[in-house]
Amino acid sequence: MKLNRIITLCAMAATLAISATSLLAQDNGGPGGPGGQWRNFDPAQMQQRMMDRVQEQLGFTNDTDWNAVKPLVQKVMDARRDVGMGGMGRMFGGGRNRGGAQDGQQPGGGRGGMFGQTSPEQEALQKAIDDNAPSAQIKDLLTKYKAAQKVKQAKLEAAQADLKAVLTTKQEAQACLLGLVN
């Protein structure tokens, strides 16, 4: 059981490392473009492997039961990404309009990539910072951004409560160790 936890943590760390490398590779046309190292990287496939690991770790062997719980797990994972990665995509070079991107789209397509979509509040705050806006304007936009993050946090907590409601005590404990619930 301890080995399974170690493998799960390694898979999550690898996912983050691949995400960061993938974002950095976007300067060279993205994972599938010229110079991209991760030509065969498939985010959907990685997500499926993560879901398979969660299914295994939570002990769901019956597809009917798992198919009932899977959307709740996905909802938690999506909400956690939105809350936890609030501005983290920018730390790895994502989220800004760079060479070849138009209309707020990132190079390689999509807004935010593996880090989720940036919120209008986040984009407005970043633009104000980039444009050296007056402190009062930045403060106002920061307040709006923090309020939006609180809403995302509330959605995460609701999704976690929905998931916990259908799990056994043992499954809830494992979900806690996986970082799905608190």
N, C-alpha and C. Protein backbone atom coordinates (compact mmCIF):
# COMPACT_ATOMS: atom_id res chain seq x y z
N MET A 1 0.83 -1.19 0.00
CA MET A 1 0.00 0.00 0.00
C MET A 1 0.87 1.25 0.00
N LYS A 2 1.98 1.21 0.77
CA LYS A 2 2.89 2.35 0.83
C LYS A 2 3.52 2.58 -0.54
N LEU A 3 3.83 1.50 -1.24
CA LEU A 3 4.40 1.61 -2.58
C LEU A 3 3.43 2.29 -3.53
N ASN A 4 2.14 1.96 -3.40
CA ASN A 4 1.13 2.61 -4.25
C ASN A 4 1.10 4.11 -4.03
N ARG A 5 1.22 4.55 -2.79
CA ARG A 5 1.23 5.98 -2.49
C ARG A 5 2.46 6.65 -3.10
N ILE A 6 3.60 5.99 -3.00
CA ILE A 6 4.83 6.53 -3.57
C ILE A 6 4.69 6.64 -5.08
N ILE A 7 4.14 5.62 -5.72
CA ILE A 7 3.94 5.65 -7.17
C ILE A 7 2.99 6.78 -7.55
N THR A 8 1.92 6.96 -6.78
CA THR A 8 0.95 8.03 -7.05
C THR A 8 1.62 9.39 -6.94
N LEU A 9 2.40 9.60 -5.88
CA LEU A 9 3.10 10.88 -5.72
C LEU A 9 4.09 11.11 -6.85
N CYS A 10 4.78 10.07 -7.27
CA CYS A 10 5.73 10.20 -8.39
C CYS A 10 4.99 10.55 -9.68
N ALA A 11 3.83 9.94 -9.90
CA ALA A 11 3.04 10.25 -11.10
C ALA A 11 2.58 11.69 -11.09
N MET A 12 2.15 12.18 -9.92
CA MET A 12 1.73 13.58 -9.84
C MET A 12 2.90 14.53 -10.06
N ALA A 13 4.07 14.19 -9.50
CA ALA A 13 5.26 15.03 -9.70
C ALA A 13 5.66 15.02 -11.18
N ALA A 14 5.58 13.86 -11.81
CA ALA A 14 5.91 13.77 -13.23
C ALA A 14 4.95 14.59 -14.06
N THR A 15 3.68 14.58 -13.69
CA THR A 15 2.69 15.37 -14.41
C THR A 15 3.02 16.85 -14.34
N LEU A 16 3.39 17.32 -13.15
CA LEU A 16 3.76 18.73 -13.01
C LEU A 16 5.02 19.05 -13.80
N ALA A 17 6.00 18.16 -13.77
CA ALA A 17 7.23 18.39 -14.51
C ALA A 17 6.97 18.42 -16.01
N ILE A 18 6.15 17.50 -16.48
CA ILE A 18 5.82 17.46 -17.91
C ILE A 18 5.05 18.71 -18.30
N SER A 19 4.14 19.13 -17.43
CA SER A 19 3.36 20.34 -17.71
C SER A 19 4.28 21.54 -17.87
N ALA A 20 5.22 21.68 -16.94
CA ALA A 20 6.14 22.82 -17.00
C ALA A 20 7.00 22.76 -18.25
N THR A 21 7.52 21.58 -18.55
CA THR A 21 8.36 21.42 -19.74
C THR A 21 7.56 21.67 -21.00
N SER A 22 6.32 21.20 -21.00
CA SER A 22 5.45 21.41 -22.16
C SER A 22 5.21 22.88 -22.39
N LEU A 23 4.96 23.62 -21.33
CA LEU A 23 4.74 25.06 -21.48
C LEU A 23 5.99 25.77 -21.95
N LEU A 24 7.14 25.37 -21.42
CA LEU A 24 8.38 25.99 -21.86
C LEU A 24 8.68 25.66 -23.31
N ALA A 25 8.29 24.47 -23.76
CA ALA A 25 8.54 24.06 -25.14
C ALA A 25 7.65 24.80 -26.12
N GLN A 26 6.59 25.47 -25.63
CA GLN A 26 5.68 26.15 -26.53
C GLN A 26 6.35 27.29 -27.29
N ASP A 27 7.46 27.83 -26.79
CA ASP A 27 8.18 28.85 -27.53
C ASP A 27 8.69 28.32 -28.86
N ASN A 28 8.90 27.02 -28.94
CA ASN A 28 9.39 26.39 -30.16
C ASN A 28 8.27 25.73 -30.93
N GLY A 29 7.08 26.26 -30.81
CA GLY A 29 5.96 25.71 -31.56
C GLY A 29 5.16 24.69 -30.79
N GLY A 30 5.42 24.53 -29.52
CA GLY A 30 4.63 23.62 -28.71
C GLY A 30 5.11 22.20 -28.82
N PRO A 31 4.46 21.30 -28.10
CA PRO A 31 4.89 19.92 -28.07
C PRO A 31 4.91 19.25 -29.44
N GLY A 32 4.02 19.64 -30.32
CA GLY A 32 3.97 18.99 -31.62
C GLY A 32 4.68 19.78 -32.70
N GLY A 33 5.18 20.95 -32.36
CA GLY A 33 5.79 21.83 -33.36
C GLY A 33 7.27 21.58 -33.51
N PRO A 34 7.89 22.35 -34.40
CA PRO A 34 9.32 22.19 -34.61
C PRO A 34 10.09 22.50 -33.33
N GLY A 35 10.98 21.62 -32.95
CA GLY A 35 11.80 21.83 -31.77
C GLY A 35 11.13 21.38 -30.48
N GLY A 36 9.86 21.00 -30.51
CA GLY A 36 9.17 20.56 -29.31
C GLY A 36 9.65 19.18 -28.90
N GLN A 37 9.98 19.01 -27.61
CA GLN A 37 10.50 17.73 -27.14
C GLN A 37 9.40 16.70 -26.94
N TRP A 38 8.20 17.13 -26.66
CA TRP A 38 7.14 16.22 -26.27
C TRP A 38 6.14 16.03 -27.41
N ARG A 39 6.62 15.65 -28.56
CA ARG A 39 5.76 15.52 -29.74
C ARG A 39 4.59 14.56 -29.51
N ASN A 40 4.80 13.54 -28.73
CA ASN A 40 3.76 12.53 -28.52
C ASN A 40 3.01 12.72 -27.20
N PHE A 41 3.24 13.82 -26.50
CA PHE A 41 2.56 14.06 -25.22
C PHE A 41 1.08 14.29 -25.47
N ASP A 42 0.25 13.55 -24.74
CA ASP A 42 -1.19 13.67 -24.87
C ASP A 42 -1.79 13.95 -23.49
N PRO A 43 -2.22 15.21 -23.24
CA PRO A 43 -2.78 15.53 -21.93
C PRO A 43 -3.97 14.67 -21.56
N ALA A 44 -4.80 14.33 -22.53
CA ALA A 44 -5.98 13.49 -22.24
C ALA A 44 -5.55 12.11 -21.77
N GLN A 45 -4.51 11.60 -22.38
CA GLN A 45 -4.00 10.28 -21.99
C GLN A 45 -3.42 10.34 -20.57
N MET A 46 -2.70 11.42 -20.26
CA MET A 46 -2.15 11.59 -18.92
C MET A 46 -3.28 11.69 -17.90
N GLN A 47 -4.32 12.43 -18.23
CA GLN A 47 -5.47 12.58 -17.32
C GLN A 47 -6.13 11.22 -17.11
N GLN A 48 -6.25 10.43 -18.17
CA GLN A 48 -6.87 9.11 -18.04
C GLN A 48 -6.04 8.21 -17.12
N ARG A 49 -4.72 8.29 -17.25
CA ARG A 49 -3.86 7.50 -16.36
C ARG A 49 -4.03 7.94 -14.91
N MET A 50 -4.17 9.24 -14.70
CA MET A 50 -4.39 9.73 -13.33
C MET A 50 -5.72 9.21 -12.79
N MET A 51 -6.76 9.25 -13.61
CA MET A 51 -8.07 8.76 -13.17
C MET A 51 -8.02 7.25 -12.90
N ASP A 52 -7.30 6.51 -13.73
CA ASP A 52 -7.15 5.08 -13.50
C ASP A 52 -6.45 4.82 -12.17
N ARG A 53 -5.45 5.64 -11.87
CA ARG A 53 -4.72 5.50 -10.61
C ARG A 53 -5.65 5.81 -9.42
N VAL A 54 -6.45 6.85 -9.54
CA VAL A 54 -7.39 7.20 -8.46
C VAL A 54 -8.39 6.05 -8.27
N GLN A 55 -8.91 5.51 -9.37
CA GLN A 55 -9.85 4.40 -9.29
C GLN A 55 -9.22 3.23 -8.54
N GLU A 56 -7.98 2.92 -8.89
CA GLU A 56 -7.27 1.82 -8.24
C GLU A 56 -7.04 2.12 -6.75
N GLN A 57 -6.57 3.32 -6.46
CA GLN A 57 -6.26 3.69 -5.08
C GLN A 57 -7.51 3.71 -4.19
N LEU A 58 -8.64 4.11 -4.76
CA LEU A 58 -9.87 4.14 -3.97
C LEU A 58 -10.55 2.78 -3.91
N GLY A 59 -10.02 1.82 -4.65
CA GLY A 59 -10.52 0.45 -4.56
C GLY A 59 -11.79 0.17 -5.34
N PHE A 60 -12.04 0.95 -6.39
CA PHE A 60 -13.23 0.71 -7.21
C PHE A 60 -12.90 -0.34 -8.27
N THR A 61 -13.50 -1.52 -8.12
CA THR A 61 -13.30 -2.58 -9.10
C THR A 61 -14.54 -2.75 -9.96
N ASN A 62 -15.66 -2.24 -9.51
CA ASN A 62 -16.92 -2.32 -10.23
C ASN A 62 -17.07 -1.07 -11.09
N ASP A 63 -17.14 -1.23 -12.40
CA ASP A 63 -17.24 -0.08 -13.31
C ASP A 63 -18.50 0.75 -13.06
N THR A 64 -19.58 0.12 -12.68
CA THR A 64 -20.81 0.85 -12.42
C THR A 64 -20.62 1.83 -11.26
N ASP A 65 -20.01 1.33 -10.17
CA ASP A 65 -19.76 2.19 -9.02
C ASP A 65 -18.77 3.31 -9.38
N TRP A 66 -17.70 2.94 -10.09
CA TRP A 66 -16.70 3.92 -10.46
C TRP A 66 -17.29 4.99 -11.38
N ASN A 67 -18.11 4.59 -12.33
CA ASN A 67 -18.71 5.55 -13.26
C ASN A 67 -19.64 6.53 -12.54
N ALA A 68 -20.17 6.13 -11.39
CA ALA A 68 -21.00 7.05 -10.60
C ALA A 68 -20.12 8.05 -9.83
N VAL A 69 -18.94 7.62 -9.42
CA VAL A 69 -18.05 8.45 -8.61
C VAL A 69 -17.10 9.28 -9.47
N LYS A 70 -16.75 8.77 -10.63
CA LYS A 70 -15.75 9.42 -11.49
C LYS A 70 -16.05 10.89 -11.78
N PRO A 71 -17.30 11.28 -12.11
CA PRO A 71 -17.56 12.71 -12.35
C PRO A 71 -17.31 13.57 -11.11
N LEU A 72 -17.55 13.01 -9.93
CA LEU A 72 -17.30 13.75 -8.69
C LEU A 72 -15.79 13.95 -8.48
N VAL A 73 -15.01 12.92 -8.79
CA VAL A 73 -13.55 13.03 -8.72
C VAL A 73 -13.06 14.06 -9.71
N GLN A 74 -13.59 14.01 -10.94
CA GLN A 74 -13.18 14.96 -11.97
C GLN A 74 -13.51 16.39 -11.56
N LYS A 75 -14.67 16.57 -10.97
CA LYS A 75 -15.09 17.90 -10.52
C LYS A 75 -14.13 18.44 -9.47
N VAL A 76 -13.70 17.57 -8.55
CA VAL A 76 -12.73 17.98 -7.53
C VAL A 76 -11.40 18.33 -8.18
N MET A 77 -10.94 17.49 -9.09
CA MET A 77 -9.66 17.74 -9.75
C MET A 77 -9.69 19.06 -10.53
N ASP A 78 -10.78 19.31 -11.22
CA ASP A 78 -10.91 20.57 -11.98
C ASP A 78 -10.92 21.77 -11.05
N ALA A 79 -11.69 21.67 -9.96
CA ALA A 79 -11.78 22.78 -9.02
C ALA A 79 -10.45 23.01 -8.32
N ARG A 80 -9.75 21.93 -7.99
CA ARG A 80 -8.44 22.06 -7.36
C ARG A 80 -7.45 22.73 -8.30
N ARG A 81 -7.51 22.37 -9.58
CA ARG A 81 -6.63 23.00 -10.57
C ARG A 81 -6.93 24.50 -10.65
N ASP A 82 -8.20 24.86 -10.68
CA ASP A 82 -8.58 26.27 -10.78
C ASP A 82 -8.12 27.06 -9.56
N VAL A 83 -8.26 26.48 -8.38
CA VAL A 83 -7.87 27.17 -7.15
C VAL A 83 -6.36 27.14 -6.97
N GLY A 84 -5.81 25.95 -7.05
CA GLY A 84 -4.40 25.77 -6.74
C GLY A 84 -3.45 26.35 -7.75
N MET A 85 -3.87 26.46 -8.97
CA MET A 85 -2.99 26.97 -10.01
C MET A 85 -3.30 28.41 -10.35
N GLY A 86 -4.08 29.08 -9.51
CA GLY A 86 -4.49 30.46 -9.74
C GLY A 86 -3.57 31.28 -10.60
N GLY A 87 -2.32 31.38 -10.30
CA GLY A 87 -1.38 32.15 -11.10
C GLY A 87 -0.14 31.34 -11.43
N MET A 88 -0.17 30.05 -11.07
CA MET A 88 1.02 29.23 -11.23
C MET A 88 1.44 29.05 -12.69
N GLY A 89 0.48 29.09 -13.61
CA GLY A 89 0.83 28.95 -15.01
C GLY A 89 1.81 30.02 -15.46
N ARG A 90 1.64 31.21 -14.92
CA ARG A 90 2.55 32.31 -15.25
C ARG A 90 3.95 32.06 -14.75
N MET A 91 4.06 31.35 -13.63
CA MET A 91 5.37 31.07 -13.07
C MET A 91 6.20 30.23 -14.03
N PHE A 92 5.54 29.40 -14.82
CA PHE A 92 6.22 28.53 -15.76
C PHE A 92 6.20 29.10 -17.17
N GLY A 93 5.86 30.37 -17.31
CA GLY A 93 5.91 31.00 -18.62
C GLY A 93 4.61 30.95 -19.38
N GLY A 94 3.57 30.37 -18.81
CA GLY A 94 2.28 30.28 -19.51
C GLY A 94 1.41 31.47 -19.19
N GLY A 95 0.33 31.60 -19.91
CA GLY A 95 -0.68 32.59 -19.59
C GLY A 95 -0.51 33.94 -20.21
N ARG A 96 0.62 34.21 -20.84
CA ARG A 96 0.81 35.50 -21.48
C ARG A 96 0.76 35.34 -22.97
N ASN A 97 0.37 36.41 -23.62
CA ASN A 97 0.28 36.41 -25.07
C ASN A 97 1.68 36.59 -25.63
N ARG A 98 2.26 35.48 -26.13
CA ARG A 98 3.60 35.54 -26.67
C ARG A 98 3.58 35.13 -28.13
N GLY A 99 4.67 35.37 -28.80
CA GLY A 99 4.83 35.15 -30.23
C GLY A 99 3.84 34.23 -30.89
N GLY A 100 3.10 34.74 -31.82
CA GLY A 100 2.19 33.95 -32.63
C GLY A 100 0.81 33.79 -32.06
N ALA A 101 0.61 34.17 -30.82
CA ALA A 101 -0.72 34.03 -30.23
C ALA A 101 -1.55 35.27 -30.54
N GLN A 102 -2.85 35.03 -30.71
CA GLN A 102 -3.74 36.14 -31.00
C GLN A 102 -4.95 36.08 -30.08
N ASP A 103 -5.53 37.25 -29.82
CA ASP A 103 -6.77 37.34 -29.05
C ASP A 103 -6.70 36.60 -27.72
N GLY A 104 -5.58 36.72 -27.01
CA GLY A 104 -5.47 36.10 -25.70
C GLY A 104 -5.21 34.61 -25.73
N GLN A 105 -5.04 34.06 -26.92
CA GLN A 105 -4.76 32.63 -27.02
C GLN A 105 -3.28 32.40 -26.80
N GLN A 106 -2.96 31.30 -26.16
CA GLN A 106 -1.56 30.96 -25.97
C GLN A 106 -1.02 30.34 -27.24
N PRO A 107 0.28 30.45 -27.45
CA PRO A 107 0.86 29.73 -28.57
C PRO A 107 0.55 28.25 -28.40
N GLY A 108 0.21 27.59 -29.45
CA GLY A 108 -0.14 26.19 -29.36
C GLY A 108 -1.62 25.98 -29.11
N GLY A 109 -2.38 27.06 -28.97
CA GLY A 109 -3.83 26.94 -28.83
C GLY A 109 -4.28 26.90 -27.39
N GLY A 110 -5.48 27.33 -27.15
CA GLY A 110 -6.09 27.26 -25.83
C GLY A 110 -5.65 28.39 -24.93
N ARG A 111 -6.41 28.58 -23.87
CA ARG A 111 -6.08 29.60 -22.88
C ARG A 111 -5.68 28.89 -21.61
N GLY A 112 -4.42 28.99 -21.26
CA GLY A 112 -3.99 28.43 -19.99
C GLY A 112 -3.48 27.01 -20.05
N GLY A 113 -3.75 26.26 -21.09
CA GLY A 113 -3.21 24.92 -21.25
C GLY A 113 -3.51 24.02 -20.05
N MET A 114 -2.48 23.34 -19.56
CA MET A 114 -2.63 22.40 -18.45
C MET A 114 -2.98 23.12 -17.15
N PHE A 115 -2.79 24.42 -17.09
CA PHE A 115 -3.04 25.16 -15.87
C PHE A 115 -4.45 25.71 -15.82
N GLY A 116 -5.29 25.34 -16.74
CA GLY A 116 -6.65 25.82 -16.74
C GLY A 116 -6.76 27.20 -17.37
N GLN A 117 -7.97 27.68 -17.44
CA GLN A 117 -8.19 28.99 -18.05
C GLN A 117 -7.91 30.09 -17.05
N THR A 118 -7.35 31.17 -17.56
CA THR A 118 -7.18 32.33 -16.70
C THR A 118 -8.51 33.05 -16.61
N SER A 119 -8.78 33.61 -15.44
CA SER A 119 -10.03 34.32 -15.24
C SER A 119 -9.90 35.73 -15.78
N PRO A 120 -11.03 36.38 -16.09
CA PRO A 120 -10.97 37.78 -16.52
C PRO A 120 -10.33 38.66 -15.44
N GLU A 121 -10.57 38.32 -14.16
CA GLU A 121 -9.98 39.10 -13.07
C GLU A 121 -8.45 38.96 -13.07
N GLN A 122 -7.99 37.76 -13.34
CA GLN A 122 -6.54 37.52 -13.39
C GLN A 122 -5.92 38.25 -14.57
N GLU A 123 -6.57 38.18 -15.71
CA GLU A 123 -6.06 38.86 -16.90
C GLU A 123 -6.02 40.37 -16.70
N ALA A 124 -7.08 40.93 -16.10
CA ALA A 124 -7.13 42.38 -15.86
C ALA A 124 -6.04 42.81 -14.89
N LEU A 125 -5.83 42.02 -13.84
CA LEU A 125 -4.80 42.34 -12.86
C LEU A 125 -3.42 42.28 -13.51
N GLN A 126 -3.17 41.24 -14.29
CA GLN A 126 -1.86 41.12 -14.95
C GLN A 126 -1.63 42.27 -15.92
N LYS A 127 -2.67 42.65 -16.66
CA LYS A 127 -2.54 43.76 -17.60
C LYS A 127 -2.21 45.05 -16.86
N ALA A 128 -2.87 45.29 -15.73
CA ALA A 128 -2.60 46.49 -14.95
C ALA A 128 -1.17 46.49 -14.44
N ILE A 129 -0.67 45.35 -14.00
CA ILE A 129 0.71 45.24 -13.54
C ILE A 129 1.67 45.51 -14.69
N ASP A 130 1.41 44.85 -15.82
CA ASP A 130 2.28 45.02 -17.00
C ASP A 130 2.30 46.46 -17.49
N ASP A 131 1.16 47.15 -17.38
CA ASP A 131 1.03 48.52 -17.88
C ASP A 131 1.44 49.57 -16.83
N ASN A 132 1.97 49.10 -15.68
CA ASN A 132 2.34 50.01 -14.59
C ASN A 132 1.19 50.95 -14.22
N ALA A 133 0.01 50.37 -14.04
CA ALA A 133 -1.18 51.14 -13.67
C ALA A 133 -0.98 51.76 -12.28
N PRO A 134 -1.75 52.77 -11.96
CA PRO A 134 -1.66 53.39 -10.63
C PRO A 134 -1.99 52.37 -9.54
N SER A 135 -1.39 52.57 -8.38
CA SER A 135 -1.57 51.65 -7.25
C SER A 135 -3.04 51.45 -6.89
N ALA A 136 -3.82 52.51 -6.94
CA ALA A 136 -5.25 52.40 -6.59
C ALA A 136 -5.96 51.43 -7.54
N GLN A 137 -5.64 51.50 -8.82
CA GLN A 137 -6.26 50.60 -9.80
C GLN A 137 -5.82 49.16 -9.55
N ILE A 138 -4.54 48.96 -9.29
CA ILE A 138 -4.04 47.61 -9.02
C ILE A 138 -4.68 47.06 -7.75
N LYS A 139 -4.81 47.89 -6.74
CA LYS A 139 -5.43 47.46 -5.48
C LYS A 139 -6.88 47.03 -5.71
N ASP A 140 -7.63 47.79 -6.51
CA ASP A 140 -9.01 47.45 -6.82
C ASP A 140 -9.09 46.12 -7.58
N LEU A 141 -8.23 45.95 -8.56
CA LEU A 141 -8.22 44.72 -9.35
C LEU A 141 -7.76 43.53 -8.51
N LEU A 142 -6.85 43.76 -7.59
CA LEU A 142 -6.40 42.70 -6.68
C LEU A 142 -7.55 42.24 -5.79
N THR A 143 -8.34 43.19 -5.31
CA THR A 143 -9.51 42.85 -4.48
C THR A 143 -10.49 41.99 -5.28
N LYS A 144 -10.72 42.36 -6.54
CA LYS A 144 -11.63 41.58 -7.39
C LYS A 144 -11.07 40.18 -7.66
N TYR A 145 -9.77 40.09 -7.89
CA TYR A 145 -9.13 38.80 -8.12
C TYR A 145 -9.26 37.89 -6.90
N LYS A 146 -9.00 38.47 -5.71
CA LYS A 146 -9.11 37.68 -4.48
C LYS A 146 -10.54 37.20 -4.25
N ALA A 147 -11.51 38.03 -4.58
CA ALA A 147 -12.92 37.63 -4.44
C ALA A 147 -13.24 36.47 -5.38
N ALA A 148 -12.72 36.54 -6.60
CA ALA A 148 -12.93 35.45 -7.57
C ALA A 148 -12.28 34.16 -7.07
N GLN A 149 -11.11 34.27 -6.46
CA GLN A 149 -10.44 33.09 -5.92
C GLN A 149 -11.24 32.48 -4.77
N LYS A 150 -11.89 33.32 -3.96
CA LYS A 150 -12.72 32.81 -2.86
C LYS A 150 -13.90 32.02 -3.41
N VAL A 151 -14.48 32.48 -4.51
CA VAL A 151 -15.58 31.76 -5.15
C VAL A 151 -15.09 30.40 -5.63
N LYS A 152 -13.90 30.37 -6.24
CA LYS A 152 -13.33 29.10 -6.71
C LYS A 152 -13.06 28.16 -5.55
N GLN A 153 -12.58 28.71 -4.44
CA GLN A 153 -12.32 27.90 -3.25
C GLN A 153 -13.63 27.30 -2.72
N ALA A 154 -14.69 28.08 -2.73
CA ALA A 154 -16.00 27.58 -2.28
C ALA A 154 -16.48 26.45 -3.19
N LYS A 155 -16.26 26.58 -4.50
CA LYS A 155 -16.63 25.52 -5.43
C LYS A 155 -15.83 24.25 -5.15
N LEU A 156 -14.54 24.42 -4.85
CA LEU A 156 -13.71 23.26 -4.52
C LEU A 156 -14.24 22.57 -3.27
N GLU A 157 -14.54 23.33 -2.25
CA GLU A 157 -15.04 22.76 -1.00
C GLU A 157 -16.37 22.04 -1.21
N ALA A 158 -17.23 22.59 -2.05
CA ALA A 158 -18.51 21.93 -2.35
C ALA A 158 -18.28 20.63 -3.12
N ALA A 159 -17.36 20.66 -4.07
CA ALA A 159 -17.06 19.44 -4.85
C ALA A 159 -16.46 18.38 -3.94
N GLN A 160 -15.60 18.78 -3.00
CA GLN A 160 -15.03 17.81 -2.07
C GLN A 160 -16.10 17.22 -1.16
N ALA A 161 -17.03 18.04 -0.72
CA ALA A 161 -18.11 17.55 0.14
C ALA A 161 -18.98 16.54 -0.62
N ASP A 162 -19.26 16.83 -1.89
CA ASP A 162 -20.05 15.90 -2.71
C ASP A 162 -19.33 14.57 -2.86
N LEU A 163 -18.02 14.63 -3.07
CA LEU A 163 -17.24 13.39 -3.23
C LEU A 163 -17.21 12.61 -1.91
N LYS A 164 -16.93 13.30 -0.81
CA LYS A 164 -16.87 12.62 0.49
C LYS A 164 -18.19 11.94 0.84
N ALA A 165 -19.28 12.51 0.39
CA ALA A 165 -20.61 11.96 0.72
C ALA A 165 -20.83 10.57 0.14
N VAL A 166 -20.10 10.22 -0.92
CA VAL A 166 -20.32 8.91 -1.55
C VAL A 166 -19.20 7.92 -1.27
N LEU A 167 -18.18 8.33 -0.52
CA LEU A 167 -17.05 7.46 -0.23
C LEU A 167 -17.21 6.79 1.13
N THR A 168 -16.64 5.58 1.23
CA THR A 168 -16.55 4.94 2.54
C THR A 168 -15.48 5.67 3.34
N THR A 169 -15.37 5.37 4.62
CA THR A 169 -14.35 6.00 5.46
C THR A 169 -12.96 5.68 4.94
N LYS A 170 -12.74 4.44 4.55
CA LYS A 170 -11.43 4.03 4.02
C LYS A 170 -11.13 4.78 2.72
N GLN A 171 -12.12 4.87 1.84
CA GLN A 171 -11.92 5.59 0.58
C GLN A 171 -11.67 7.07 0.83
N GLU A 172 -12.38 7.66 1.79
CA GLU A 172 -12.16 9.07 2.11
C GLU A 172 -10.75 9.29 2.62
N ALA A 173 -10.26 8.37 3.45
CA ALA A 173 -8.90 8.48 3.96
C ALA A 173 -7.90 8.41 2.81
N GLN A 174 -8.12 7.49 1.88
CA GLN A 174 -7.22 7.37 0.72
C GLN A 174 -7.32 8.61 -0.16
N ALA A 175 -8.53 9.12 -0.35
CA ALA A 175 -8.72 10.34 -1.15
C ALA A 175 -8.00 11.52 -0.50
N CYS A 176 -7.97 11.53 0.81
CA CYS A 176 -7.25 12.59 1.54
C CYS A 176 -5.75 12.46 1.28
N LEU A 177 -5.24 11.24 1.33
CA LEU A 177 -3.82 11.02 1.05
C LEU A 177 -3.45 11.37 -0.40
N LEU A 178 -4.42 11.23 -1.30
CA LEU A 178 -4.19 11.58 -2.70
C LEU A 178 -4.34 13.09 -2.96
N GLY A 179 -4.79 13.80 -1.93
CA GLY A 179 -4.96 15.25 -2.09
C GLY A 179 -6.27 15.66 -2.73
N LEU A 180 -7.22 14.72 -2.82
CA LEU A 180 -8.50 15.04 -3.42
C LEU A 180 -9.42 15.75 -2.44
N VAL A 181 -9.37 15.36 -1.17
CA VAL A 181 -10.23 15.96 -0.15
C VAL A 181 -9.36 16.33 1.05
N ASN A 182 -9.92 17.17 1.90
CA ASN A 182 -9.23 17.57 3.13
C ASN A 182 -9.79 16.82 4.30
